Amino acid sequence: MVPPARRGSPAHRPSRRNDIVQASIRVFARQGYADASIQDIAAEAGVAPTAVYYHFAGKEDLFDVALRRIMETVTAVVRAARADDEPGDAASLGHVIEAVWAWLDAHPDENQLLHHHLPGVTSQARILQQEFEAIHVQRAFAYLATTAGRRSRRSAIADHATASLAVRTLNSLVILVHPLRSEEGPIARHRPRDVRAALVEVAERIVSVS
């Protein structure tokens, strides 16, 4: 006869890795990378520091994992708003901007970490940032107005340079507006819906004149 299972003793203990990553996002957003400690993150996650080290090599490794998760989620939000194989136009550009805006507003810790604590924090963070920007710069080319009847190699080169400048300006604008509208930012006093509408309008102008 098989003895009955003991109550309160699951067959296996679920990994706390996800809880630790989510706790780290909250702690890094609240304290910044330099002031956050493994002990702080462990306390936030409700685990012992040894549990954090079981899953991660240290604070730098944990920060990079948290940052990658945020960037991958933002990219997923963008692709849900307009898939890579769908054509880009003014309507889909506005849809993408508003989808990312809504997600960031719903996830203030991720927003804080992505836009306020990112630059140069770790060497891997810089690589992740470059990869993230490359993905979205490439996607932004789909929104550009096409120019027909190019007559020379020189004009084609000029067109490509103009297009590259346009998509990088577009991406920089969409990224930088979020820290500018934060609680202490220079446009914090403006209503979010007005700033969002202005962002969409300027973004559409950028791609329409390229």
Protein backbone atom coordinates (compact mmCIF):
# COMPACT_ATOMS: atom_id res chain seq x y z
CA MET A 1 0.00 0.00 0.00
CA VAL A 2 1.33 3.41 -0.98
CA PRO A 3 1.39 5.78 2.01
CA PRO A 4 -0.69 8.94 1.60
CA ALA A 5 1.20 12.06 0.59
CA ARG A 6 2.11 14.37 3.43
CA ARG A 7 0.16 17.58 3.42
CA GLY A 8 2.20 20.69 2.87
CA SER A 9 5.08 18.81 1.26
CA PRO A 10 5.00 19.39 -2.52
CA ALA A 11 6.79 16.92 -4.77
CA HIS A 12 9.26 19.61 -5.74
CA ARG A 13 10.09 23.13 -4.68
CA PRO A 14 9.46 25.63 -7.50
CA SER A 15 12.36 27.80 -8.57
CA ARG A 16 12.46 31.29 -7.08
CA ARG A 17 14.42 32.66 -10.04
CA ASN A 18 11.47 34.61 -11.46
CA ASP A 19 10.61 36.07 -8.03
CA ILE A 20 14.21 37.17 -7.59
CA VAL A 21 14.33 38.85 -11.02
CA GLN A 22 11.09 40.73 -10.35
CA ALA A 23 12.33 41.76 -6.91
CA SER A 24 15.58 42.99 -8.43
CA ILE A 25 13.67 45.19 -10.89
CA ARG A 26 11.86 46.85 -8.00
CA VAL A 27 15.04 47.32 -5.96
CA PHE A 28 17.16 48.58 -8.87
CA ALA A 29 14.40 50.99 -9.87
CA ARG A 30 14.05 52.27 -6.32
CA GLN A 31 17.70 52.45 -5.27
CA GLY A 32 19.72 52.42 -8.48
CA TYR A 33 22.37 49.89 -9.38
CA ALA A 34 25.17 51.28 -7.22
CA ASP A 35 23.17 51.44 -3.98
CA ALA A 36 21.31 48.16 -4.40
CA SER A 37 22.75 45.05 -2.77
CA ILE A 38 22.12 41.33 -3.02
CA GLN A 39 20.86 41.49 0.57
CA ASP A 40 18.31 44.16 -0.42
CA ILE A 41 17.12 42.06 -3.35
CA ALA A 42 16.93 38.90 -1.27
CA ALA A 43 14.84 40.69 1.36
CA GLU A 44 12.53 42.06 -1.35
CA ALA A 45 12.10 38.57 -2.81
CA GLY A 46 11.63 36.95 0.61
CA VAL A 47 14.60 34.62 0.22
CA ALA A 48 18.02 34.20 1.77
CA PRO A 49 20.99 35.81 -0.04
CA THR A 50 22.31 32.32 -0.73
CA ALA A 51 19.20 31.67 -2.85
CA VAL A 52 20.07 34.66 -5.03
CA TYR A 53 23.63 33.39 -5.50
CA TYR A 54 22.25 29.94 -6.35
CA HIS A 55 20.58 31.42 -9.43
CA PHE A 56 22.89 34.33 -10.29
CA ALA A 57 26.64 34.98 -10.23
CA GLY A 58 26.14 38.33 -8.51
CA LYS A 59 24.54 41.75 -8.76
CA GLU A 60 25.87 42.49 -12.25
CA ASP A 61 24.56 39.22 -13.63
CA LEU A 62 21.18 39.80 -12.02
CA PHE A 63 20.93 43.34 -13.38
CA ASP A 64 21.71 42.14 -16.89
CA VAL A 65 19.06 39.40 -16.68
CA ALA A 66 16.49 41.90 -15.40
CA LEU A 67 17.34 44.39 -18.12
CA ARG A 68 17.16 41.74 -20.84
CA ARG A 69 13.72 40.71 -19.59
CA ILE A 70 12.44 44.27 -19.76
CA MET A 71 13.83 44.87 -23.25
CA GLU A 72 12.47 41.58 -24.57
CA THR A 73 9.06 42.41 -23.14
CA VAL A 74 9.05 45.88 -24.72
CA THR A 75 10.03 44.33 -28.05
CA ALA A 76 7.20 41.81 -27.68
CA VAL A 77 4.76 44.68 -27.02
CA VAL A 78 6.00 46.43 -30.17
CA ARG A 79 5.67 43.28 -32.28
CA ALA A 80 2.19 42.63 -30.94
CA ALA A 81 1.21 46.13 -32.07
CA ARG A 82 2.80 45.62 -35.51
CA ALA A 83 4.36 42.35 -36.57
CA ASP A 84 7.70 42.40 -38.39
CA ASP A 85 6.09 41.25 -41.64
CA GLU A 86 3.30 43.83 -41.57
CA PRO A 87 3.72 47.09 -43.52
CA GLY A 88 4.34 50.23 -41.56
CA ASP A 89 2.21 53.35 -41.92
CA ALA A 90 1.17 56.34 -39.84
CA ALA A 91 -1.63 54.42 -38.17
CA SER A 92 0.56 51.48 -37.13
CA LEU A 93 3.31 53.85 -35.96
CA GLY A 94 0.86 55.60 -33.65
CA HIS A 95 -0.46 52.25 -32.48
CA VAL A 96 3.05 51.06 -31.56
CA ILE A 97 3.91 54.28 -29.72
CA GLU A 98 0.68 54.14 -27.71
CA ALA A 99 1.10 50.42 -26.92
CA VAL A 100 4.61 50.95 -25.52
CA TRP A 101 3.45 54.07 -23.66
CA ALA A 102 0.61 52.13 -22.02
CA TRP A 103 2.92 49.26 -21.03
CA LEU A 104 5.49 51.59 -19.48
CA ASP A 105 2.79 53.43 -17.54
CA ALA A 106 1.50 50.10 -16.25
CA HIS A 107 5.04 49.02 -15.22
CA PRO A 108 6.67 52.04 -13.53
CA ASP A 109 9.57 50.04 -12.06
CA GLU A 110 10.53 48.65 -15.46
CA ASN A 111 10.17 52.14 -16.92
CA GLN A 112 12.41 53.59 -14.23
CA LEU A 113 15.07 50.94 -14.70
CA LEU A 114 15.04 51.15 -18.49
CA HIS A 115 15.21 54.92 -18.81
CA HIS A 116 16.97 56.17 -15.68
CA HIS A 117 19.48 53.56 -14.51
CA LEU A 118 20.62 52.03 -17.77
CA PRO A 119 23.45 53.99 -19.42
CA GLY A 120 26.85 52.40 -18.77
CA VAL A 121 25.78 50.42 -15.69
CA THR A 122 27.51 47.22 -16.83
CA SER A 123 29.45 46.23 -19.94
CA GLN A 124 26.74 43.73 -20.85
CA ALA A 125 24.05 46.37 -20.35
CA ARG A 126 25.71 48.48 -23.04
CA ILE A 127 25.65 45.51 -25.42
CA LEU A 128 22.01 44.81 -24.63
CA GLN A 129 21.16 48.46 -25.24
CA GLN A 130 22.92 48.41 -28.62
CA GLU A 131 21.11 45.22 -29.63
CA PHE A 132 17.77 46.65 -28.50
CA GLU A 133 18.29 49.86 -30.44
CA ALA A 134 19.40 47.95 -33.55
CA ILE A 135 16.19 45.91 -33.56
CA HIS A 136 13.99 48.98 -33.35
CA VAL A 137 16.02 51.08 -35.77
CA GLN A 138 15.63 48.32 -38.34
CA ARG A 139 11.89 48.08 -37.71
CA ALA A 140 11.53 51.86 -38.03
CA PHE A 141 12.60 51.78 -41.69
CA ALA A 142 9.19 50.27 -42.48
CA TYR A 143 7.52 53.56 -41.59
CA LEU A 144 9.49 55.74 -43.98
CA ALA A 145 7.86 57.26 -47.02
CA THR A 146 9.41 55.70 -50.14
CA THR A 147 11.03 57.83 -52.81
CA ALA A 148 10.46 56.66 -56.37
CA GLY A 149 12.56 57.37 -59.45
CA ARG A 150 16.05 57.60 -58.02
CA ARG A 151 18.27 58.75 -60.84
CA SER A 152 21.81 58.18 -59.64
CA ARG A 153 23.99 56.34 -57.16
CA ARG A 154 24.68 59.65 -55.43
CA SER A 155 20.98 60.28 -54.86
CA ALA A 156 20.53 56.71 -53.56
CA ILE A 157 23.34 57.25 -51.05
CA ALA A 158 21.80 60.55 -49.97
CA ASP A 159 18.39 58.90 -49.60
CA HIS A 160 19.85 56.15 -47.43
CA ALA A 161 21.65 58.69 -45.23
CA THR A 162 18.42 60.67 -44.85
CA ALA A 163 16.47 57.53 -44.00
CA SER A 164 19.05 56.42 -41.43
CA LEU A 165 18.99 59.82 -39.76
CA ALA A 166 15.19 59.78 -39.72
CA VAL A 167 14.85 56.37 -38.06
CA ARG A 168 17.52 57.12 -35.47
CA THR A 169 15.88 60.45 -34.69
CA LEU A 170 12.53 58.69 -34.40
CA ASN A 171 13.88 56.05 -32.03
CA SER A 172 15.74 58.59 -29.90
CA LEU A 173 12.62 60.72 -29.62
CA VAL A 174 10.42 57.80 -28.56
CA ILE A 175 12.98 56.68 -25.96
CA LEU A 176 13.90 60.08 -24.52
CA VAL A 177 10.35 61.35 -24.04
CA HIS A 178 9.74 58.94 -21.15
CA PRO A 179 12.44 60.21 -18.74
CA LEU A 180 11.50 63.77 -19.74
CA ARG A 181 7.94 63.19 -18.56
CA SER A 182 8.94 61.53 -15.27
CA GLU A 183 8.02 63.13 -11.96
CA GLU A 184 11.02 65.49 -11.98
CA GLY A 185 11.28 65.79 -15.77
CA PRO A 186 10.94 69.08 -17.66
CA ILE A 187 7.60 68.14 -19.26
CA ALA A 188 6.06 66.51 -16.18
CA ARG A 189 3.55 69.36 -15.80
CA HIS A 190 1.96 68.60 -19.15
CA ARG A 191 -0.92 66.17 -19.34
CA PRO A 192 0.29 62.71 -20.42
CA ARG A 193 -2.32 62.41 -23.17
CA ASP A 194 -1.20 65.75 -24.64
CA VAL A 195 2.44 64.67 -24.61
CA ARG A 196 1.54 61.31 -26.15
CA ALA A 197 -0.48 62.98 -28.90
CA ALA A 198 2.38 65.40 -29.61
CA LEU A 199 4.85 62.51 -29.74
CA VAL A 200 2.73 60.63 -32.29
CA GLU A 201 2.31 63.78 -34.39
CA VAL A 202 6.05 64.56 -34.44
CA ALA A 203 6.92 60.92 -35.15
CA GLU A 204 4.56 60.90 -38.15
CA ARG A 205 6.14 64.11 -39.43
CA ILE A 206 9.62 62.63 -39.17
CA VAL A 207 8.78 59.60 -41.26
CA SER A 208 6.66 61.51 -43.77
CA VAL A 209 9.45 63.90 -44.84
CA SER A 210 12.15 61.22 -45.12
